Amino acid sequence: MRRTKEDAEQTRNNILEAAAKIFSDKGFARSTLDEIAKDAKVTRGAIYWHFKNKAEIYEALHDNLHLPFIDMILEDVSKDHPAPLTQLREFTINILLDLDHDEQKRQSLVLFLMRANYSGELAQFKEDHLKKKHESQEALARYFLKAQNKGELSADADPNFLAEAWGCYIRGILFEYLSDTENFILSEKIPNLVNLFFDMLEKR
């Protein structure tokens, strides 16, 4: 039977799902393609059909996190919202609450936020991943620039610094959540934590 495009895409997704779980549990260096193939219920040959090696799977997982995230930012910030800080507040709450429904994203965040180690095979990705991080910050800074132009922030506020502060704050929340997902209940904590950040920001 000929493989359809949909079958191939499903196989690729299964490989990435298995890799996210195994990499986040064991770390990249200690994980093997055999383990990924077994968990994904595919052959090693099927993995090599989609990926050259383990490092390429790692990079695909990073792209699956970064590309949709920056696309969502650019789409949202392009809207003509009357209150950009409220817009970013709502965007932030929504993307964090969504983690409860996306196990692969949670596992990928564990991998890249808590287990990232750019040595060996992964050294090649460090510069590019830092560049993508800066791209995200630059996109986020557009919210703060819009807020400044609409008088929500003072004229001497630095949109780039505020975007960096947002990133630091959100990474802290993610670290706490991913360290104890059973007790860190997103629906209970996220609105209050996000509101705290923006309430302080609006007093600037």
C-alpha atoms as a PDB file:
ATOM      1  CA  MET A   1       0.000   0.000   0.000  1.00  0.00           C
ATOM      2  CA  ARG A   2       1.360   3.437  -0.935  1.00  0.00           C
ATOM      3  CA  ARG A   3       2.006   5.834   1.905  1.00  0.00           C
ATOM      4  CA  THR A   4      -0.125   8.926   1.646  1.00  0.00           C
ATOM      5  CA  LYS A   5       1.074  12.396   2.519  1.00  0.00           C
ATOM      6  CA  GLU A   6      -1.191  12.276   5.587  1.00  0.00           C
ATOM      7  CA  ASP A   7       0.349   8.964   6.711  1.00  0.00           C
ATOM      8  CA  ALA A   8       3.837  10.388   6.372  1.00  0.00           C
ATOM      9  CA  GLU A   9       2.903  13.496   8.323  1.00  0.00           C
ATOM     10  CA  GLN A  10       1.341  11.387  11.077  1.00  0.00           C
ATOM     11  CA  THR A  11       4.481   9.261  11.295  1.00  0.00           C
ATOM     12  CA  ARG A  12       6.607  12.389  11.583  1.00  0.00           C
ATOM     13  CA  ASN A  13       4.349  13.730  14.331  1.00  0.00           C
ATOM     14  CA  ASN A  14       4.535  10.409  16.189  1.00  0.00           C
ATOM     15  CA  ILE A  15       8.334  10.540  16.061  1.00  0.00           C
ATOM     16  CA  LEU A  16       8.397  14.091  17.395  1.00  0.00           C
ATOM     17  CA  GLU A  17       5.917  13.242  20.142  1.00  0.00           C
ATOM     18  CA  ALA A  18       8.030  10.286  21.238  1.00  0.00           C
ATOM     19  CA  ALA A  19      11.237  12.313  21.050  1.00  0.00           C
ATOM     20  CA  ALA A  20       9.777  15.144  23.139  1.00  0.00           C
ATOM     21  CA  LYS A  21       8.866  12.668  25.863  1.00  0.00           C
ATOM     22  CA  ILE A  22      12.156  10.780  25.832  1.00  0.00           C
ATOM     23  CA  PHE A  23      14.421  13.830  25.503  1.00  0.00           C
ATOM     24  CA  SER A  24      12.608  15.603  28.350  1.00  0.00           C
ATOM     25  CA  ASP A  25      12.774  12.509  30.579  1.00  0.00           C
ATOM     26  CA  LYS A  26      16.366  11.436  29.903  1.00  0.00           C
ATOM     27  CA  GLY A  27      18.033  14.399  28.260  1.00  0.00           C
ATOM     28  CA  PHE A  28      19.222  14.528  24.678  1.00  0.00           C
ATOM     29  CA  ALA A  29      22.600  12.845  25.132  1.00  0.00           C
ATOM     30  CA  ARG A  30      21.240   9.792  26.957  1.00  0.00           C
ATOM     31  CA  SER A  31      18.371   9.181  24.530  1.00  0.00           C
ATOM     32  CA  THR A  32      18.641   6.882  21.537  1.00  0.00           C
ATOM     33  CA  LEU A  33      16.913   6.569  18.190  1.00  0.00           C
ATOM     34  CA  ASP A  34      15.942   3.011  19.111  1.00  0.00           C
ATOM     35  CA  GLU A  35      14.024   4.308  22.127  1.00  0.00           C
ATOM     36  CA  ILE A  36      12.296   6.935  20.009  1.00  0.00           C
ATOM     37  CA  ALA A  37      11.392   4.362  17.339  1.00  0.00           C
ATOM     38  CA  LYS A  38       9.988   1.982  19.937  1.00  0.00           C
ATOM     39  CA  ASP A  39       7.884   4.649  21.621  1.00  0.00           C
ATOM     40  CA  ALA A  40       6.635   5.994  18.281  1.00  0.00           C
ATOM     41  CA  LYS A  41       5.916   2.438  17.082  1.00  0.00           C
ATOM     42  CA  VAL A  42       7.982   2.935  13.931  1.00  0.00           C
ATOM     43  CA  THR A  43      11.208   1.493  12.542  1.00  0.00           C
ATOM     44  CA  ARG A  44      14.564   3.247  12.592  1.00  0.00           C
ATOM     45  CA  GLY A  45      14.204   3.400   8.837  1.00  0.00           C
ATOM     46  CA  ALA A  46      11.032   5.452   9.236  1.00  0.00           C
ATOM     47  CA  ILE A  47      12.939   7.893  11.433  1.00  0.00           C
ATOM     48  CA  TYR A  48      15.695   8.238   8.844  1.00  0.00           C
ATOM     49  CA  TRP A  49      13.064   8.890   6.185  1.00  0.00           C
ATOM     50  CA  HIS A  50      12.105  12.069   8.038  1.00  0.00           C
ATOM     51  CA  PHE A  51      15.254  13.050   9.919  1.00  0.00           C
ATOM     52  CA  LYS A  52      18.972  12.723   9.219  1.00  0.00           C
ATOM     53  CA  ASN A  53      19.878  12.156  12.848  1.00  0.00           C
ATOM     54  CA  LYS A  54      18.888  12.757  16.461  1.00  0.00           C
ATOM     55  CA  ALA A  55      20.042  16.380  16.362  1.00  0.00           C
ATOM     56  CA  GLU A  56      17.700  17.144  13.488  1.00  0.00           C
ATOM     57  CA  ILE A  57      14.796  15.824  15.567  1.00  0.00           C
ATOM     58  CA  TYR A  58      15.882  18.159  18.372  1.00  0.00           C
ATOM     59  CA  GLU A  59      15.869  21.115  16.003  1.00  0.00           C
ATOM     60  CA  ALA A  60      12.429  20.167  14.661  1.00  0.00           C
ATOM     61  CA  LEU A  61      11.071  20.195  18.217  1.00  0.00           C
ATOM     62  CA  HIS A  62      12.530  23.670  18.738  1.00  0.00           C
ATOM     63  CA  ASP A  63      10.925  24.889  15.515  1.00  0.00           C
ATOM     64  CA  ASN A  64       7.593  23.434  16.659  1.00  0.00           C
ATOM     65  CA  LEU A  65       7.825  25.658  19.737  1.00  0.00           C
ATOM     66  CA  HIS A  66       9.287  28.816  18.243  1.00  0.00           C
ATOM     67  CA  LEU A  67       7.563  29.188  14.871  1.00  0.00           C
ATOM     68  CA  PRO A  68       3.919  28.942  16.051  1.00  0.00           C
ATOM     69  CA  PHE A  69       4.736  31.192  19.036  1.00  0.00           C
ATOM     70  CA  ILE A  70       6.217  34.012  16.983  1.00  0.00           C
ATOM     71  CA  ASP A  71       3.459  33.657  14.375  1.00  0.00           C
ATOM     72  CA  MET A  72       0.849  34.055  17.123  1.00  0.00           C
ATOM     73  CA  ILE A  73       2.615  37.148  18.461  1.00  0.00           C
ATOM     74  CA  LEU A  74       2.897  38.787  15.043  1.00  0.00           C
ATOM     75  CA  GLU A  75      -0.715  38.042  14.182  1.00  0.00           C
ATOM     76  CA  ASP A  76      -2.019  39.310  17.524  1.00  0.00           C
ATOM     77  CA  VAL A  77       0.122  42.441  17.761  1.00  0.00           C
ATOM     78  CA  SER A  78      -0.850  43.466  14.231  1.00  0.00           C
ATOM     79  CA  LYS A  79      -4.452  43.963  15.376  1.00  0.00           C
ATOM     80  CA  ASP A  80      -5.596  47.489  16.143  1.00  0.00           C
ATOM     81  CA  HIS A  81      -6.380  46.982  19.820  1.00  0.00           C
ATOM     82  CA  PRO A  82      -7.353  50.066  21.860  1.00  0.00           C
ATOM     83  CA  ALA A  83      -5.325  48.895  24.886  1.00  0.00           C
ATOM     84  CA  PRO A  84      -2.151  46.986  23.899  1.00  0.00           C
ATOM     85  CA  LEU A  85      -1.228  46.136  27.503  1.00  0.00           C
ATOM     86  CA  THR A  86      -4.634  44.514  28.009  1.00  0.00           C
ATOM     87  CA  GLN A  87      -4.139  42.748  24.681  1.00  0.00           C
ATOM     88  CA  LEU A  88      -0.776  41.316  25.787  1.00  0.00           C
ATOM     89  CA  ARG A  89      -2.186  40.446  29.201  1.00  0.00           C
ATOM     90  CA  GLU A  90      -4.938  38.358  27.584  1.00  0.00           C
ATOM     91  CA  PHE A  91      -2.519  36.812  25.087  1.00  0.00           C
ATOM     92  CA  THR A  92      -0.183  35.799  27.925  1.00  0.00           C
ATOM     93  CA  ILE A  93      -2.929  34.203  30.005  1.00  0.00           C
ATOM     94  CA  ASN A  94      -4.257  32.269  27.015  1.00  0.00           C
ATOM     95  CA  ILE A  95      -0.923  30.809  25.889  1.00  0.00           C
ATOM     96  CA  LEU A  96      -0.092  29.679  29.419  1.00  0.00           C
ATOM     97  CA  LEU A  97      -3.488  28.127  30.102  1.00  0.00           C
ATOM     98  CA  ASP A  98      -3.205  26.255  26.796  1.00  0.00           C
ATOM     99  CA  LEU A  99      -0.313  24.230  28.220  1.00  0.00           C
ATOM    100  CA  ASP A 100      -2.787  22.121  30.179  1.00  0.00           C
ATOM    101  CA  HIS A 101      -4.014  20.711  26.863  1.00  0.00           C
ATOM    102  CA  ASP A 102      -0.718  20.158  25.023  1.00  0.00           C
ATOM    103  CA  GLU A 103       1.520  17.477  26.503  1.00  0.00           C
ATOM    104  CA  GLN A 104       4.093  17.621  23.719  1.00  0.00           C
ATOM    105  CA  LYS A 105       4.516  21.355  24.214  1.00  0.00           C
ATOM    106  CA  ARG A 106       4.989  20.833  27.952  1.00  0.00           C
ATOM    107  CA  GLN A 107       7.627  18.180  27.331  1.00  0.00           C
ATOM    108  CA  SER A 108       9.387  20.373  24.781  1.00  0.00           C
ATOM    109  CA  LEU A 109       9.445  23.253  27.255  1.00  0.00           C
ATOM    110  CA  VAL A 110      11.046  20.977  29.843  1.00  0.00           C
ATOM    111  CA  LEU A 111      13.645  20.081  27.242  1.00  0.00           C
ATOM    112  CA  PHE A 112      14.494  23.616  26.158  1.00  0.00           C
ATOM    113  CA  LEU A 113      13.972  25.531  29.407  1.00  0.00           C
ATOM    114  CA  MET A 114      15.252  23.041  31.962  1.00  0.00           C
ATOM    115  CA  ARG A 115      17.480  20.573  30.121  1.00  0.00           C
ATOM    116  CA  ALA A 116      19.084  22.739  27.436  1.00  0.00           C
ATOM    117  CA  ASN A 117      22.790  21.953  27.156  1.00  0.00           C
ATOM    118  CA  TYR A 118      24.411  23.272  24.015  1.00  0.00           C
ATOM    119  CA  SER A 119      27.395  20.982  23.933  1.00  0.00           C
ATOM    120  CA  GLY A 120      28.456  18.170  21.637  1.00  0.00           C
ATOM    121  CA  GLU A 121      25.992  17.669  18.798  1.00  0.00           C
ATOM    122  CA  LEU A 122      23.829  20.525  20.032  1.00  0.00           C
ATOM    123  CA  ALA A 123      26.527  23.226  19.993  1.00  0.00           C
ATOM    124  CA  GLN A 124      25.609  23.972  16.374  1.00  0.00           C
ATOM    125  CA  PHE A 125      22.174  25.223  17.436  1.00  0.00           C
ATOM    126  CA  LYS A 126      23.125  27.634  20.226  1.00  0.00           C
ATOM    127  CA  GLU A 127      23.618  30.760  18.112  1.00  0.00           C
ATOM    128  CA  ASP A 128      20.479  30.156  16.063  1.00  0.00           C
ATOM    129  CA  HIS A 129      18.330  29.507  19.130  1.00  0.00           C
ATOM    130  CA  LEU A 130      19.572  32.715  20.760  1.00  0.00           C
ATOM    131  CA  LYS A 131      18.761  34.578  17.547  1.00  0.00           C
ATOM    132  CA  LYS A 132      15.222  33.162  17.584  1.00  0.00           C
ATOM    133  CA  LYS A 133      14.844  34.158  21.232  1.00  0.00           C
ATOM    134  CA  HIS A 134      15.802  37.725  20.322  1.00  0.00           C
ATOM    135  CA  GLU A 135      13.334  37.676  17.430  1.00  0.00           C
ATOM    136  CA  SER A 136      10.578  36.780  19.874  1.00  0.00           C
ATOM    137  CA  GLN A 137      11.604  39.596  22.216  1.00  0.00           C
ATOM    138  CA  GLU A 138      11.617  42.084  19.349  1.00  0.00           C
ATOM    139  CA  ALA A 139       8.122  40.970  18.352  1.00  0.00           C
ATOM    140  CA  LEU A 140       6.896  41.288  21.945  1.00  0.00           C
ATOM    141  CA  ALA A 141       8.428  44.757  22.195  1.00  0.00           C
ATOM    142  CA  ARG A 142       5.894  45.894  19.603  1.00  0.00           C
ATOM    143  CA  TYR A 143       3.112  45.514  22.207  1.00  0.00           C
ATOM    144  CA  PHE A 144       4.946  47.849  24.571  1.00  0.00           C
ATOM    145  CA  LEU A 145       5.755  50.328  21.822  1.00  0.00           C
ATOM    146  CA  LYS A 146       2.070  50.430  20.843  1.00  0.00           C
ATOM    147  CA  ALA A 147       1.132  50.874  24.506  1.00  0.00           C
ATOM    148  CA  GLN A 148       3.599  53.746  24.752  1.00  0.00           C
ATOM    149  CA  ASN A 149       2.186  55.405  21.644  1.00  0.00           C
ATOM    150  CA  LYS A 150      -1.340  55.135  23.106  1.00  0.00           C
ATOM    151  CA  GLY A 151      -0.251  56.675  26.412  1.00  0.00           C
ATOM    152  CA  GLU A 152      -0.458  53.481  28.490  1.00  0.00           C
ATOM    153  CA  LEU A 153       3.258  53.723  29.263  1.00  0.00           C
ATOM    154  CA  SER A 154       5.434  56.741  29.956  1.00  0.00           C
ATOM    155  CA  ALA A 155       7.519  58.225  27.161  1.00  0.00           C
ATOM    156  CA  ASP A 156      10.766  57.137  28.831  1.00  0.00           C
ATOM    157  CA  ALA A 157       9.745  53.449  29.099  1.00  0.00           C
ATOM    158  CA  ASP A 158      11.985  51.073  27.130  1.00  0.00           C
ATOM    159  CA  PRO A 159       9.849  48.614  25.090  1.00  0.00           C
ATOM    160  CA  ASN A 160      12.794  46.276  24.516  1.00  0.00           C
ATOM    161  CA  PHE A 161      13.601  46.109  28.221  1.00  0.00           C
ATOM    162  CA  LEU A 162       9.953  45.486  29.078  1.00  0.00           C
ATOM    163  CA  ALA A 163       9.801  42.656  26.530  1.00  0.00           C
ATOM    164  CA  GLU A 164      12.879  41.131  28.169  1.00  0.00           C
ATOM    165  CA  ALA A 165      11.282  41.536  31.609  1.00  0.00           C
ATOM    166  CA  TRP A 166       8.131  39.805  30.331  1.00  0.00           C
ATOM    167  CA  GLY A 167      10.259  36.906  29.095  1.00  0.00           C
ATOM    168  CA  CYS A 168      12.076  36.566  32.414  1.00  0.00           C
ATOM    169  CA  TYR A 169       8.802  36.620  34.350  1.00  0.00           C
ATOM    170  CA  ILE A 170       7.109  34.057  32.102  1.00  0.00           C
ATOM    171  CA  ARG A 171      10.119  31.732  32.142  1.00  0.00           C
ATOM    172  CA  GLY A 172      10.004  31.839  35.932  1.00  0.00           C
ATOM    173  CA  ILE A 173       6.346  30.847  35.912  1.00  0.00           C
ATOM    174  CA  LEU A 174       7.048  28.056  33.422  1.00  0.00           C
ATOM    175  CA  PHE A 175       9.911  26.728  35.518  1.00  0.00           C
ATOM    176  CA  GLU A 176       7.700  26.527  38.614  1.00  0.00           C
ATOM    177  CA  TYR A 177       4.871  24.910  36.676  1.00  0.00           C
ATOM    178  CA  LEU A 178       7.021  22.365  34.867  1.00  0.00           C
ATOM    179  CA  SER A 179       8.792  21.458  38.106  1.00  0.00           C
ATOM    180  CA  ASP A 180       5.516  20.507  39.797  1.00  0.00           C
ATOM    181  CA  THR A 181       2.641  20.206  37.337  1.00  0.00           C
ATOM    182  CA  GLU A 182       0.441  18.327  39.803  1.00  0.00           C
ATOM    183  CA  ASN A 183       0.377  21.096  42.389  1.00  0.00           C
ATOM    184  CA  PHE A 184       0.868  24.167  40.213  1.00  0.00           C
ATOM    185  CA  ILE A 185      -2.702  24.490  38.940  1.00  0.00           C
ATOM    186  CA  LEU A 186      -2.616  26.759  35.905  1.00  0.00           C
ATOM    187  CA  SER A 187      -6.275  27.732  36.026  1.00  0.00           C
ATOM    188  CA  GLU A 188      -5.850  28.919  39.620  1.00  0.00           C
ATOM    189  CA  LYS A 189      -2.461  30.607  39.451  1.00  0.00           C
ATOM    190  CA  ILE A 190      -1.966  31.991  35.951  1.00  0.00           C
ATOM    191  CA  PRO A 191      -4.563  34.798  35.905  1.00  0.00           C
ATOM    192  CA  ASN A 192      -3.353  36.151  39.263  1.00  0.00           C
ATOM    193  CA  LEU A 193       0.341  35.895  38.384  1.00  0.00           C
ATOM    194  CA  VAL A 194      -0.079  37.517  34.993  1.00  0.00           C
ATOM    195  CA  ASN A 195      -2.310  40.232  36.419  1.00  0.00           C
ATOM    196  CA  LEU A 196       0.318  40.986  39.067  1.00  0.00           C
ATOM    197  CA  PHE A 197       2.933  41.628  36.381  1.00  0.00           C
ATOM    198  CA  PHE A 198       0.690  43.917  34.344  1.00  0.00           C
ATOM    199  CA  ASP A 199      -0.759  45.705  37.357  1.00  0.00           C
ATOM    200  CA  MET A 200       2.776  46.677  38.384  1.00  0.00           C
ATOM    201  CA  LEU A 201       3.612  47.617  34.816  1.00  0.00           C
ATOM    202  CA  GLU A 202       0.655  49.955  34.464  1.00  0.00           C
ATOM    203  CA  LYS A 203       1.858  51.920  37.478  1.00  0.00           C
ATOM    204  CA  ARG A 204       5.058  52.900  35.668  1.00  0.00           C
END
